[in-house]
Every structure is written in C-alpha cells, then in structure tokens.
Amino acid sequence: MVLALGDSLTAGYGLAPEQAWPALLAGRTGWKIVNGGVSGDKTDDALARLPALMDEHAPALVLVTLGGNDMLRKQPEAQTRANLARILELVRGRNAQPVLLATPRPSVAGALFQNLSPPAFYAEIAEERHVPLIGDAVPAVLSDPNLKLDPLHPNAEGHAALAGRAFDALRKLGYVR
C-alpha cells in the first residue's frame, strides 16, 4: 500500500481521479496507491490529516508532494520546513518510508522562461532527514505550458508525464523494478 500525500497537484485538480498521477503511477507499478491529495492543502493541513490516513491505510511508502500552497500563500519558510520535517518523522514513526517530491517556487520569470525550480529547502530537508528526494518531476511538468491546465495545475498529459517521471525516479531509487 502506498499513500500519495499532497495538495491539488496530487488530487488531480480539474481531472477525473483516474487521470491523476497517483492513479497512473499505480497502473505502471501495480501498487495500490491511495490518493491523499486535497486541493488547497498547506503543509499544516496535510500534517493534521496524516495520522488518520496512516491509521486507515497503514502504507509502506508515502509520497509527499506538499509546499506549493504554503509558498503561494506566503507562509513563513521556517513553518513549511518544520511541517515537512514533522510529516516525514510521522511517516517514519509509523514504519513507512517517506519519499519527498519537491514543488517549484511560484515564479513569473520561471514560468515565462519555462524553467521553474524548487526552493533549496527540499534538498536540505531530504538530506537532514535521510529521505529520498524527487526534485525535478513536478518542476519539469509545471515548466511546460503544454502540460498545464492553468498556471498552477497539470493537465491530463501533465499528470501522465508526472507519473512517468515519478516512476523513473522511484526505479532509480530501487522501489520499482
């Protein structure tokens, strides 16, 4: 059992549930993946939901894709970092393996030049917590205007690309054969 914990990028905003990247990743891996994405969630919202999700599903692996709404709503970076660290600790404390997927920092220039990048804190948290990081999947998809439904969300092709990038990264990390 795998839990995809996230916000609208995980939930599949604007799409049918089967078009969202967790469902597509499940199809490629054969894993049962619970989509724990909630549109609008900030890291503190997901942290509040996580214990119940862990109790209900007892996942072995948790894919954490959060932070975008924190940045959009200009939450203090220290708060976002602390919430992400607590999420990773809670996952590990429940005998599950967390994997962190970085979300790009909102940037007009990055969008214009199709070069969005995640803030450094994702790599720092992953290193500090000894958690695998998939740093380029979400930024690459959101940098390509052909893969977007609107300025913030991937379209169906974007979710397919995101599932493919996540699959490739998970294979390199040894989670998928």
C-alpha atoms as a PDB file:
ATOM      1  CA  MET A   1       0.000   0.000   0.000  1.00  0.00           C
ATOM      2  CA  VAL A   2       1.272   3.440  -0.984  1.00  0.00           C
ATOM      3  CA  LEU A   3      -0.097   6.799   0.129  1.00  0.00           C
ATOM      4  CA  ALA A   4       0.284   9.869  -2.088  1.00  0.00           C
ATOM      5  CA  LEU A   5       0.023  12.786   0.342  1.00  0.00           C
ATOM      6  CA  GLY A   6      -0.392  16.160  -1.274  1.00  0.00           C
ATOM      7  CA  ASP A   7      -2.474  19.064  -2.451  1.00  0.00           C
ATOM      8  CA  SER A   8      -4.233  19.772  -5.762  1.00  0.00           C
ATOM      9  CA  LEU A   9      -1.178  18.566  -7.715  1.00  0.00           C
ATOM     10  CA  THR A  10      -1.750  15.116  -6.211  1.00  0.00           C
ATOM     11  CA  ALA A  11      -5.556  15.273  -6.088  1.00  0.00           C
ATOM     12  CA  GLY A  12      -5.682  15.889  -9.827  1.00  0.00           C
ATOM     13  CA  TYR A  13      -7.418  19.268  -9.776  1.00  0.00           C
ATOM     14  CA  GLY A  14      -9.712  19.638 -12.791  1.00  0.00           C
ATOM     15  CA  LEU A  15      -9.393  15.993 -13.844  1.00  0.00           C
ATOM     16  CA  ALA A  16     -11.106  12.672 -13.240  1.00  0.00           C
ATOM     17  CA  PRO A  17      -9.490  10.695 -10.381  1.00  0.00           C
ATOM     18  CA  GLU A  18      -8.123   8.076 -12.786  1.00  0.00           C
ATOM     19  CA  GLN A  19      -6.234  10.815 -14.677  1.00  0.00           C
ATOM     20  CA  ALA A  20      -4.274  11.986 -11.622  1.00  0.00           C
ATOM     21  CA  TRP A  21      -0.639  10.934 -11.391  1.00  0.00           C
ATOM     22  CA  PRO A  22      -1.122   8.613  -8.355  1.00  0.00           C
ATOM     23  CA  ALA A  23      -3.650   6.500 -10.297  1.00  0.00           C
ATOM     24  CA  LEU A  24      -1.392   6.477 -13.365  1.00  0.00           C
ATOM     25  CA  LEU A  25       1.611   5.528 -11.219  1.00  0.00           C
ATOM     26  CA  ALA A  26      -0.437   2.703  -9.682  1.00  0.00           C
ATOM     27  CA  GLY A  27      -1.149   1.433 -13.187  1.00  0.00           C
ATOM     28  CA  ARG A  28       2.558   1.413 -14.065  1.00  0.00           C
ATOM     29  CA  THR A  29       3.763  -0.170 -10.830  1.00  0.00           C
ATOM     30  CA  GLY A  30       0.910  -2.499  -9.926  1.00  0.00           C
ATOM     31  CA  TRP A  31       0.864  -0.849  -6.475  1.00  0.00           C
ATOM     32  CA  LYS A  32      -2.329   0.042  -4.664  1.00  0.00           C
ATOM     33  CA  ILE A  33      -1.991   3.810  -4.245  1.00  0.00           C
ATOM     34  CA  VAL A  34      -4.369   5.835  -2.100  1.00  0.00           C
ATOM     35  CA  ASN A  35      -4.673   9.394  -3.370  1.00  0.00           C
ATOM     36  CA  GLY A  36      -4.406  11.547  -0.246  1.00  0.00           C
ATOM     37  CA  GLY A  37      -4.337  14.806  -2.182  1.00  0.00           C
ATOM     38  CA  VAL A  38      -6.630  17.643  -1.106  1.00  0.00           C
ATOM     39  CA  SER A  39      -6.860  20.791  -3.185  1.00  0.00           C
ATOM     40  CA  GLY A  40      -5.763  23.848  -1.249  1.00  0.00           C
ATOM     41  CA  ASP A  41      -3.887  21.929   1.435  1.00  0.00           C
ATOM     42  CA  LYS A  42      -0.895  23.558   3.044  1.00  0.00           C
ATOM     43  CA  THR A  43       1.672  21.502   4.915  1.00  0.00           C
ATOM     44  CA  ASP A  44      -0.088  22.111   8.235  1.00  0.00           C
ATOM     45  CA  ASP A  45      -3.397  20.830   6.788  1.00  0.00           C
ATOM     46  CA  ALA A  46      -1.756  17.660   5.484  1.00  0.00           C
ATOM     47  CA  LEU A  47       0.077  17.165   8.773  1.00  0.00           C
ATOM     48  CA  ALA A  48      -3.262  17.322  10.601  1.00  0.00           C
ATOM     49  CA  ARG A  49      -4.786  14.727   8.219  1.00  0.00           C
ATOM     50  CA  LEU A  50      -1.818  12.377   8.195  1.00  0.00           C
ATOM     51  CA  PRO A  51      -2.321  10.373  11.430  1.00  0.00           C
ATOM     52  CA  ALA A  52      -5.814   9.293  10.374  1.00  0.00           C
ATOM     53  CA  LEU A  53      -4.578   8.381   6.876  1.00  0.00           C
ATOM     54  CA  MET A  54      -1.737   6.336   8.370  1.00  0.00           C
ATOM     55  CA  ASP A  55      -4.164   4.589  10.754  1.00  0.00           C
ATOM     56  CA  GLU A  56      -6.649   3.822   7.987  1.00  0.00           C
ATOM     57  CA  HIS A  57      -4.261   2.675   5.255  1.00  0.00           C
ATOM     58  CA  ALA A  58      -1.012   1.607   7.039  1.00  0.00           C
ATOM     59  CA  PRO A  59       1.084   2.401   3.957  1.00  0.00           C
ATOM     60  CA  ALA A  60       4.589   1.031   3.459  1.00  0.00           C
ATOM     61  CA  LEU A  61       5.549   4.029   1.297  1.00  0.00           C
ATOM     62  CA  VAL A  62       4.339   7.653   1.440  1.00  0.00           C
ATOM     63  CA  LEU A  63       4.954  10.027  -1.476  1.00  0.00           C
ATOM     64  CA  VAL A  64       4.886  13.557  -0.038  1.00  0.00           C
ATOM     65  CA  THR A  65       4.165  16.360  -2.530  1.00  0.00           C
ATOM     66  CA  LEU A  66       3.493  19.476  -0.478  1.00  0.00           C
ATOM     67  CA  GLY A  67       4.608  23.060  -0.028  1.00  0.00           C
ATOM     68  CA  GLY A  68       3.224  24.756  -3.120  1.00  0.00           C
ATOM     69  CA  ASN A  69       0.242  26.277  -1.325  1.00  0.00           C
ATOM     70  CA  ASP A  70       2.467  27.359   1.559  1.00  0.00           C
ATOM     71  CA  MET A  71       4.586  29.307  -0.949  1.00  0.00           C
ATOM     72  CA  LEU A  72       1.564  30.699  -2.787  1.00  0.00           C
ATOM     73  CA  ARG A  73       0.055  31.897   0.485  1.00  0.00           C
ATOM     74  CA  LYS A  74       3.411  33.278   1.629  1.00  0.00           C
ATOM     75  CA  GLN A  75       3.645  31.123   4.740  1.00  0.00           C
ATOM     76  CA  PRO A  76       6.967  31.508   6.562  1.00  0.00           C
ATOM     77  CA  GLU A  77       9.525  29.133   5.060  1.00  0.00           C
ATOM     78  CA  ALA A  78      10.565  28.000   8.544  1.00  0.00           C
ATOM     79  CA  GLN A  79       6.979  26.865   9.181  1.00  0.00           C
ATOM     80  CA  THR A  80       6.828  24.939   5.890  1.00  0.00           C
ATOM     81  CA  ARG A  81      10.184  23.286   6.617  1.00  0.00           C
ATOM     82  CA  ALA A  82       9.100  22.341  10.144  1.00  0.00           C
ATOM     83  CA  ASN A  83       5.793  20.897   8.911  1.00  0.00           C
ATOM     84  CA  LEU A  84       7.508  18.866   6.187  1.00  0.00           C
ATOM     85  CA  ALA A  85      10.031  17.563   8.726  1.00  0.00           C
ATOM     86  CA  ARG A  86       7.194  16.561  11.087  1.00  0.00           C
ATOM     87  CA  ILE A  87       5.364  14.811   8.232  1.00  0.00           C
ATOM     88  CA  LEU A  88       8.488  12.812   7.354  1.00  0.00           C
ATOM     89  CA  GLU A  89       9.074  11.936  11.010  1.00  0.00           C
ATOM     90  CA  LEU A  90       5.462  10.846  11.494  1.00  0.00           C
ATOM     91  CA  VAL A  91       5.649   8.615   8.401  1.00  0.00           C
ATOM     92  CA  ARG A  92       8.880   7.019   9.618  1.00  0.00           C
ATOM     93  CA  GLY A  93       7.432   6.664  13.117  1.00  0.00           C
ATOM     94  CA  ARG A  94       4.647   4.558  11.604  1.00  0.00           C
ATOM     95  CA  ASN A  95       7.196   2.218   9.954  1.00  0.00           C
ATOM     96  CA  ALA A  96       6.652   3.610   6.478  1.00  0.00           C
ATOM     97  CA  GLN A  97       9.230   5.001   4.058  1.00  0.00           C
ATOM     98  CA  PRO A  98       8.713   8.625   3.013  1.00  0.00           C
ATOM     99  CA  VAL A  99       9.768   9.985  -0.369  1.00  0.00           C
ATOM    100  CA  LEU A 100       9.697  13.749  -0.837  1.00  0.00           C
ATOM    101  CA  LEU A 101       8.705  15.305  -4.168  1.00  0.00           C
ATOM    102  CA  ALA A 102       9.778  18.935  -4.500  1.00  0.00           C
ATOM    103  CA  THR A 103       7.326  21.565  -5.685  1.00  0.00           C
ATOM    104  CA  PRO A 104       8.632  24.579  -7.599  1.00  0.00           C
ATOM    105  CA  ARG A 105       8.608  28.036  -6.119  1.00  0.00           C
ATOM    106  CA  PRO A 106       5.950  30.162  -7.863  1.00  0.00           C
ATOM    107  CA  SER A 107       7.776  32.463 -10.259  1.00  0.00           C
ATOM    108  CA  VAL A 108       6.562  34.626 -13.122  1.00  0.00           C
ATOM    109  CA  ALA A 109      10.050  34.593 -14.674  1.00  0.00           C
ATOM    110  CA  GLY A 110      10.352  30.834 -14.168  1.00  0.00           C
ATOM    111  CA  ALA A 111       7.009  30.270 -15.869  1.00  0.00           C
ATOM    112  CA  LEU A 112       7.850  32.715 -18.662  1.00  0.00           C
ATOM    113  CA  PHE A 113      11.207  31.058 -19.369  1.00  0.00           C
ATOM    114  CA  GLN A 114       9.772  27.564 -18.742  1.00  0.00           C
ATOM    115  CA  ASN A 115      12.331  26.958 -16.001  1.00  0.00           C
ATOM    116  CA  LEU A 116      10.600  26.592 -12.636  1.00  0.00           C
ATOM    117  CA  SER A 117      12.752  25.247  -9.832  1.00  0.00           C
ATOM    118  CA  PRO A 118      12.149  24.077  -6.282  1.00  0.00           C
ATOM    119  CA  PRO A 119      13.493  26.034  -3.330  1.00  0.00           C
ATOM    120  CA  ALA A 120      16.656  24.677  -1.723  1.00  0.00           C
ATOM    121  CA  PHE A 121      14.809  23.689   1.437  1.00  0.00           C
ATOM    122  CA  TYR A 122      13.511  20.475  -0.176  1.00  0.00           C
ATOM    123  CA  ALA A 123      17.050  19.162  -0.753  1.00  0.00           C
ATOM    124  CA  GLU A 124      18.105  20.351   2.697  1.00  0.00           C
ATOM    125  CA  ILE A 125      15.200  18.591   4.442  1.00  0.00           C
ATOM    126  CA  ALA A 126      15.749  15.400   2.423  1.00  0.00           C
ATOM    127  CA  GLU A 127      19.438  15.383   3.346  1.00  0.00           C
ATOM    128  CA  GLU A 128      18.830  16.207   7.017  1.00  0.00           C
ATOM    129  CA  ARG A 129      16.131  13.533   7.348  1.00  0.00           C
ATOM    130  CA  HIS A 130      17.853  10.958   5.089  1.00  0.00           C
ATOM    131  CA  VAL A 131      14.783  10.803   2.882  1.00  0.00           C
ATOM    132  CA  PRO A 132      14.866  10.213  -0.887  1.00  0.00           C
ATOM    133  CA  LEU A 133      14.064  13.341  -2.915  1.00  0.00           C
ATOM    134  CA  ILE A 134      12.475  13.506  -6.346  1.00  0.00           C
ATOM    135  CA  GLY A 135      13.473  17.058  -7.105  1.00  0.00           C
ATOM    136  CA  ASP A 136      12.734  17.565 -10.773  1.00  0.00           C
ATOM    137  CA  ALA A 137       9.476  15.767 -11.608  1.00  0.00           C
ATOM    138  CA  VAL A 138       6.940  18.412 -10.568  1.00  0.00           C
ATOM    139  CA  PRO A 139       9.060  21.432 -11.628  1.00  0.00           C
ATOM    140  CA  ALA A 140       9.681  19.935 -15.091  1.00  0.00           C
ATOM    141  CA  VAL A 141       5.989  19.307 -15.694  1.00  0.00           C
ATOM    142  CA  LEU A 142       4.900  22.715 -14.417  1.00  0.00           C
ATOM    143  CA  SER A 143       7.585  24.426 -16.527  1.00  0.00           C
ATOM    144  CA  ASP A 144       5.998  23.131 -19.736  1.00  0.00           C
ATOM    145  CA  PRO A 145       2.942  25.199 -20.761  1.00  0.00           C
ATOM    146  CA  ASN A 146       1.738  22.310 -22.971  1.00  0.00           C
ATOM    147  CA  LEU A 147       1.347  20.160 -19.849  1.00  0.00           C
ATOM    148  CA  LYS A 148      -0.734  22.661 -17.878  1.00  0.00           C
ATOM    149  CA  LEU A 149      -4.457  23.094 -17.356  1.00  0.00           C
ATOM    150  CA  ASP A 150      -3.948  26.571 -15.897  1.00  0.00           C
ATOM    151  CA  PRO A 151      -0.953  28.483 -14.464  1.00  0.00           C
ATOM    152  CA  LEU A 152      -0.734  26.198 -11.399  1.00  0.00           C
ATOM    153  CA  HIS A 153      -2.028  22.736 -12.347  1.00  0.00           C
ATOM    154  CA  PRO A 154      -1.029  19.997 -14.776  1.00  0.00           C
ATOM    155  CA  ASN A 155      -3.492  18.831 -17.413  1.00  0.00           C
ATOM    156  CA  ALA A 156      -4.070  15.133 -18.186  1.00  0.00           C
ATOM    157  CA  GLU A 157      -0.878  14.973 -20.266  1.00  0.00           C
ATOM    158  CA  GLY A 158       0.975  16.695 -17.430  1.00  0.00           C
ATOM    159  CA  HIS A 159      -0.233  14.113 -14.929  1.00  0.00           C
ATOM    160  CA  ALA A 160       0.871  11.336 -17.299  1.00  0.00           C
ATOM    161  CA  ALA A 161       4.297  12.987 -17.580  1.00  0.00           C
ATOM    162  CA  LEU A 162       4.474  13.391 -13.804  1.00  0.00           C
ATOM    163  CA  ALA A 163       3.598   9.716 -13.274  1.00  0.00           C
ATOM    164  CA  GLY A 164       6.312   8.759 -15.764  1.00  0.00           C
ATOM    165  CA  ARG A 165       8.929  10.925 -14.083  1.00  0.00           C
ATOM    166  CA  ALA A 166       7.942   9.628 -10.651  1.00  0.00           C
ATOM    167  CA  PHE A 167       8.120   6.048 -11.937  1.00  0.00           C
ATOM    168  CA  ASP A 168      11.597   6.603 -13.396  1.00  0.00           C
ATOM    169  CA  ALA A 169      12.835   8.244 -10.186  1.00  0.00           C
ATOM    170  CA  LEU A 170      11.357   5.502  -7.997  1.00  0.00           C
ATOM    171  CA  ARG A 171      13.012   2.898 -10.219  1.00  0.00           C
ATOM    172  CA  LYS A 172      16.394   4.648  -9.817  1.00  0.00           C
ATOM    173  CA  LEU A 173      15.812   4.700  -6.050  1.00  0.00           C
ATOM    174  CA  GLY A 174      15.158   0.954  -6.092  1.00  0.00           C
ATOM    175  CA  TYR A 175      11.453   0.998  -5.270  1.00  0.00           C
ATOM    176  CA  VAL A 176      10.365  -0.274  -8.690  1.00  0.00           C
ATOM    177  CA  ARG A 177      11.942  -2.970 -10.809  1.00  0.00           C
END
